[in-house]
Amino acid sequence: MEGIILVAGLVVLALVISIPCGYLRQNYPKFSFMWFLLLHLPIPFIILLRVKAGLNWHFIPVTLGGSVAGQLIGNALSRRRKQYDKAP
């Protein structure tokens, strides 16, 4: 049971770390340097958290999924804010 809570917490942390990067990434042209930097910036932190938690490489796809979800949520929040800013 402790392992499930640990993995779930790590996935939530990966998601939370990635949301600001996804939000900021929306403001840069696709495939620019900053776009790539913001896409990959959370990865070392997530790896560090996974190693400190004592989880092996089998959990990489799960944490990667949390990171991708965070990027997508941040991207959607940025697009929605821009859409509401344009409204009269």
Protein backbone atom coordinates (compact mmCIF):
# COMPACT_ATOMS: atom_id res chain seq x y z
CA MET A 1 0.00 0.00 0.00
CA GLU A 2 2.88 2.37 0.76
CA GLY A 3 4.32 1.76 -2.69
CA ILE A 4 1.10 2.74 -4.42
CA ILE A 5 0.89 5.96 -2.43
CA LEU A 6 4.54 6.72 -3.21
CA VAL A 7 4.04 6.18 -6.95
CA ALA A 8 0.80 8.18 -6.99
CA GLY A 9 2.51 11.03 -5.13
CA LEU A 10 5.38 10.99 -7.58
CA VAL A 11 3.02 11.12 -10.56
CA VAL A 12 1.11 14.04 -9.01
CA LEU A 13 4.40 15.84 -8.33
CA ALA A 14 5.51 15.27 -11.93
CA LEU A 15 2.21 16.71 -13.09
CA VAL A 16 2.47 19.76 -10.82
CA ILE A 17 6.09 20.45 -11.82
CA SER A 18 5.21 20.29 -15.52
CA ILE A 19 2.15 22.56 -15.52
CA PRO A 20 4.10 25.87 -15.33
CA CYS A 21 6.49 24.71 -18.06
CA GLY A 22 3.57 23.78 -20.32
CA TYR A 23 1.95 27.14 -19.60
CA LEU A 24 5.09 29.07 -20.55
CA ARG A 25 5.89 26.81 -23.52
CA GLN A 26 2.70 27.96 -25.27
CA ASN A 27 4.21 31.45 -25.65
CA TYR A 28 7.17 30.35 -27.79
CA PRO A 29 7.32 29.23 -31.42
CA LYS A 30 7.18 25.49 -31.91
CA PHE A 31 10.61 23.79 -32.03
CA SER A 32 12.47 26.92 -30.86
CA PHE A 33 15.20 26.64 -28.23
CA MET A 34 12.98 27.87 -25.38
CA TRP A 35 10.19 25.54 -26.48
CA PHE A 36 12.56 22.55 -26.19
CA LEU A 37 14.02 23.84 -22.93
CA LEU A 38 10.62 24.21 -21.30
CA LEU A 39 9.59 20.81 -22.61
CA HIS A 40 12.60 19.06 -21.07
CA LEU A 41 13.24 21.20 -17.98
CA PRO A 42 11.10 19.16 -15.53
CA ILE A 43 12.66 15.82 -16.51
CA PRO A 44 15.84 16.02 -14.33
CA PHE A 45 13.75 16.97 -11.30
CA ILE A 46 11.38 14.07 -11.88
CA ILE A 47 14.32 11.67 -12.28
CA LEU A 48 15.84 12.97 -9.05
CA LEU A 49 12.57 12.50 -7.20
CA ARG A 50 12.17 8.98 -8.59
CA VAL A 51 15.70 7.98 -7.56
CA LYS A 52 15.33 9.53 -4.08
CA ALA A 53 12.06 7.65 -3.65
CA GLY A 54 13.89 4.41 -4.38
CA LEU A 55 11.84 3.51 -7.45
CA ASN A 56 13.52 1.67 -10.30
CA TRP A 57 13.35 2.28 -14.03
CA HIS A 58 10.04 0.41 -14.38
CA PHE A 59 8.22 3.52 -13.18
CA ILE A 60 9.62 5.84 -15.86
CA PRO A 61 6.56 5.49 -18.17
CA VAL A 62 4.21 6.31 -15.29
CA THR A 63 6.10 9.46 -14.28
CA LEU A 64 6.54 10.42 -17.91
CA GLY A 65 2.78 10.19 -18.34
CA GLY A 66 2.30 12.54 -15.40
CA SER A 67 4.78 14.98 -16.91
CA VAL A 68 3.08 14.89 -20.32
CA ALA A 69 -0.31 15.43 -18.68
CA GLY A 70 1.09 18.45 -16.82
CA GLN A 71 2.46 19.91 -20.05
CA LEU A 72 -0.90 19.47 -21.75
CA ILE A 73 -2.81 21.00 -18.84
CA GLY A 74 -0.47 24.00 -18.73
CA ASN A 75 -0.78 24.41 -22.50
CA ALA A 76 -4.59 24.34 -22.30
CA LEU A 77 -4.62 26.86 -19.44
CA SER A 78 -2.44 29.25 -21.44
CA ARG A 79 -4.62 28.94 -24.54
CA ARG A 80 -7.78 29.47 -22.49
CA ARG A 81 -6.35 32.57 -20.82
CA LYS A 82 -5.35 34.04 -24.18
CA GLN A 83 -8.83 33.32 -25.51
CA TYR A 84 -10.51 35.13 -22.60
CA ASP A 85 -8.09 38.07 -22.87
CA LYS A 86 -9.18 38.61 -26.48
CA ALA A 87 -12.89 38.66 -25.63
CA PRO A 88 -14.41 42.17 -25.38
